[in-house]
């Protein structure tokens, strides 16, 4: 899966959660500026940030089998 696809899915999950960027930053420990840049400016997301957000958004990170 391409990084852009992961970013789009993460943004969709944030929208569905109904949580503000501020609330997600507070709950996840990810900086507000980083989250804002991710959602609004297309900034890249690190695995650490992705893991923190997945935890707060009740998402599961899984490795896909090789195709």
N, C-alpha and C. Protein backbone atom coordinates (compact mmCIF):
# COMPACT_ATOMS: atom_id res chain seq x y z
N UNK A 1 0.85 -1.17 0.00
CA UNK A 1 0.00 0.00 0.00
C UNK A 1 0.89 1.23 0.00
N UNK A 2 0.55 2.17 -0.80
CA UNK A 2 1.33 3.40 -0.90
C UNK A 2 1.07 4.28 0.32
N UNK A 3 2.06 5.10 0.65
CA UNK A 3 1.95 5.99 1.80
C UNK A 3 0.75 6.94 1.64
N UNK A 4 0.51 7.40 0.42
CA UNK A 4 -0.62 8.31 0.18
C UNK A 4 -1.95 7.61 0.50
N UNK A 5 -2.06 6.32 0.18
CA UNK A 5 -3.28 5.57 0.50
C UNK A 5 -3.47 5.48 2.01
N UNK A 6 -2.40 5.23 2.73
CA UNK A 6 -2.47 5.15 4.19
C UNK A 6 -2.89 6.51 4.75
N UNK A 7 -2.31 7.56 4.24
CA UNK A 7 -2.65 8.91 4.70
C UNK A 7 -4.12 9.21 4.46
N UNK A 8 -4.63 8.87 3.29
CA UNK A 8 -6.05 9.10 2.98
C UNK A 8 -6.95 8.30 3.91
N UNK A 9 -6.61 7.06 4.19
CA UNK A 9 -7.40 6.23 5.09
C UNK A 9 -7.38 6.79 6.50
N UNK A 10 -6.23 7.28 6.92
CA UNK A 10 -6.11 7.87 8.25
C UNK A 10 -6.98 9.13 8.36
N UNK A 11 -6.94 9.97 7.35
CA UNK A 11 -7.75 11.18 7.36
C UNK A 11 -9.24 10.82 7.38
N UNK A 12 -9.62 9.81 6.64
CA UNK A 12 -11.01 9.35 6.65
C UNK A 12 -11.40 8.88 8.05
N UNK A 13 -10.52 8.13 8.70
CA UNK A 13 -10.81 7.65 10.06
C UNK A 13 -10.94 8.81 11.05
N UNK A 14 -10.12 9.83 10.86
CA UNK A 14 -10.21 11.03 11.72
C UNK A 14 -11.56 11.70 11.51
N UNK A 15 -11.96 11.85 10.26
CA UNK A 15 -13.27 12.46 9.97
C UNK A 15 -14.41 11.66 10.59
N UNK A 16 -14.37 10.36 10.42
CA UNK A 16 -15.43 9.50 10.95
C UNK A 16 -15.48 9.55 12.48
N UNK A 17 -14.33 9.72 13.11
CA UNK A 17 -14.30 9.75 14.57
C UNK A 17 -15.03 10.95 15.14
N UNK A 18 -15.13 12.02 14.36
CA UNK A 18 -15.76 13.23 14.84
C UNK A 18 -14.92 14.03 15.82
N UNK A 19 -13.68 13.57 16.04
CA UNK A 19 -12.79 14.26 16.97
C UNK A 19 -12.06 15.39 16.27
N UNK A 20 -11.84 16.45 16.99
CA UNK A 20 -11.09 17.57 16.44
C UNK A 20 -9.60 17.22 16.42
N UNK A 21 -8.85 17.97 15.63
CA UNK A 21 -7.40 17.78 15.60
C UNK A 21 -6.82 18.04 16.99
N UNK A 22 -7.35 19.04 17.66
CA UNK A 22 -6.88 19.35 19.01
C UNK A 22 -7.12 18.17 19.96
N UNK A 23 -8.31 17.58 19.91
CA UNK A 23 -8.63 16.44 20.79
C UNK A 23 -7.73 15.24 20.46
N UNK A 24 -7.53 14.97 19.18
CA UNK A 24 -6.65 13.86 18.79
C UNK A 24 -5.22 14.09 19.25
N UNK A 25 -4.76 15.32 19.13
CA UNK A 25 -3.40 15.64 19.57
C UNK A 25 -3.27 15.38 21.07
N UNK A 26 -4.24 15.84 21.82
CA UNK A 26 -4.20 15.67 23.27
C UNK A 26 -4.26 14.19 23.65
N UNK A 27 -5.16 13.43 23.04
CA UNK A 27 -5.34 12.02 23.39
C UNK A 27 -4.18 11.13 22.92
N UNK A 28 -3.57 11.48 21.79
CA UNK A 28 -2.55 10.61 21.21
C UNK A 28 -1.12 10.98 21.61
N UNK A 29 -0.93 12.24 22.02
CA UNK A 29 0.42 12.69 22.31
C UNK A 29 1.17 13.15 21.07
N UNK A 30 0.47 13.19 19.94
CA UNK A 30 1.05 13.70 18.70
C UNK A 30 0.83 15.21 18.68
N UNK A 31 1.83 15.96 18.29
CA UNK A 31 1.72 17.41 18.29
C UNK A 31 0.62 17.93 17.39
N UNK A 32 -0.06 18.98 17.86
CA UNK A 32 -1.14 19.58 17.08
C UNK A 32 -0.64 20.02 15.70
N UNK A 33 0.51 20.66 15.64
CA UNK A 33 1.04 21.14 14.36
C UNK A 33 1.28 19.99 13.39
N UNK A 34 1.75 18.87 13.90
CA UNK A 34 1.99 17.69 13.05
C UNK A 34 0.68 17.15 12.49
N UNK A 35 -0.33 17.06 13.36
CA UNK A 35 -1.63 16.56 12.91
C UNK A 35 -2.28 17.52 11.91
N UNK A 36 -2.18 18.80 12.19
CA UNK A 36 -2.74 19.79 11.29
C UNK A 36 -2.07 19.68 9.92
N UNK A 37 -0.77 19.56 9.90
CA UNK A 37 -0.03 19.43 8.64
C UNK A 37 -0.42 18.15 7.91
N UNK A 38 -0.61 17.08 8.63
CA UNK A 38 -1.01 15.81 8.03
C UNK A 38 -2.37 15.94 7.35
N UNK A 39 -3.33 16.49 8.06
CA UNK A 39 -4.70 16.58 7.56
C UNK A 39 -4.85 17.64 6.48
N UNK A 40 -4.22 18.79 6.66
CA UNK A 40 -4.48 19.91 5.77
C UNK A 40 -3.43 20.15 4.69
N UNK A 41 -2.22 19.74 4.93
CA UNK A 41 -1.14 20.06 3.99
C UNK A 41 -0.54 18.84 3.30
N UNK A 42 -1.02 17.65 3.62
CA UNK A 42 -0.51 16.45 2.99
C UNK A 42 0.85 16.00 3.50
N UNK A 43 1.19 16.39 4.73
CA UNK A 43 2.48 16.00 5.31
C UNK A 43 2.54 14.48 5.47
N UNK A 44 3.74 13.96 5.40
CA UNK A 44 3.95 12.53 5.61
C UNK A 44 3.73 12.17 7.07
N UNK A 45 3.41 10.92 7.29
CA UNK A 45 3.18 10.43 8.65
C UNK A 45 4.22 9.35 8.95
N UNK A 46 4.79 9.42 10.15
CA UNK A 46 5.75 8.39 10.54
C UNK A 46 5.00 7.20 11.12
N UNK A 47 5.68 6.08 11.20
CA UNK A 47 5.07 4.88 11.78
C UNK A 47 4.72 5.12 13.24
N UNK A 48 5.53 5.84 13.96
CA UNK A 48 5.26 6.15 15.36
C UNK A 48 3.97 6.96 15.49
N UNK A 49 3.83 7.98 14.67
CA UNK A 49 2.62 8.80 14.68
C UNK A 49 1.41 7.98 14.28
N UNK A 50 1.56 7.19 13.25
CA UNK A 50 0.48 6.33 12.78
C UNK A 50 0.02 5.38 13.88
N UNK A 51 0.96 4.81 14.60
CA UNK A 51 0.63 3.89 15.69
C UNK A 51 -0.13 4.60 16.80
N UNK A 52 0.30 5.79 17.17
CA UNK A 52 -0.38 6.55 18.23
C UNK A 52 -1.80 6.91 17.81
N UNK A 53 -1.97 7.35 16.58
CA UNK A 53 -3.29 7.71 16.10
C UNK A 53 -4.20 6.49 15.96
N UNK A 54 -3.64 5.39 15.49
CA UNK A 54 -4.43 4.17 15.36
C UNK A 54 -4.96 3.73 16.72
N UNK A 55 -4.15 3.87 17.74
CA UNK A 55 -4.58 3.51 19.09
C UNK A 55 -5.77 4.36 19.54
N UNK A 56 -5.68 5.65 19.35
CA UNK A 56 -6.75 6.57 19.76
C UNK A 56 -8.01 6.38 18.91
N UNK A 57 -7.82 6.08 17.63
CA UNK A 57 -8.95 5.92 16.72
C UNK A 57 -9.49 4.49 16.69
N UNK A 58 -8.93 3.63 17.54
CA UNK A 58 -9.34 2.23 17.63
C UNK A 58 -9.19 1.51 16.29
N UNK A 59 -8.04 1.73 15.65
CA UNK A 59 -7.71 1.07 14.40
C UNK A 59 -6.63 0.04 14.66
N UNK A 60 -6.56 -0.93 13.78
CA UNK A 60 -5.54 -1.97 13.91
C UNK A 60 -4.60 -1.89 12.71
N UNK A 61 -3.31 -1.84 13.00
CA UNK A 61 -2.31 -1.86 11.94
C UNK A 61 -1.91 -3.31 11.70
N UNK A 62 -2.09 -3.77 10.48
CA UNK A 62 -1.72 -5.14 10.16
C UNK A 62 -0.88 -5.15 8.90
N UNK A 63 -0.02 -6.13 8.82
CA UNK A 63 0.80 -6.31 7.63
C UNK A 63 0.02 -7.18 6.65
N UNK A 64 -0.06 -6.71 5.45
CA UNK A 64 -0.72 -7.50 4.41
C UNK A 64 0.21 -8.60 3.93
N UNK A 65 -0.39 -9.68 3.53
CA UNK A 65 0.43 -10.76 2.95
C UNK A 65 0.95 -10.30 1.60
N UNK A 66 2.13 -10.78 1.26
CA UNK A 66 2.69 -10.47 -0.07
C UNK A 66 1.79 -11.03 -1.14
N UNK A 67 1.66 -10.27 -2.19
CA UNK A 67 0.79 -10.71 -3.28
C UNK A 67 1.58 -11.31 -4.40
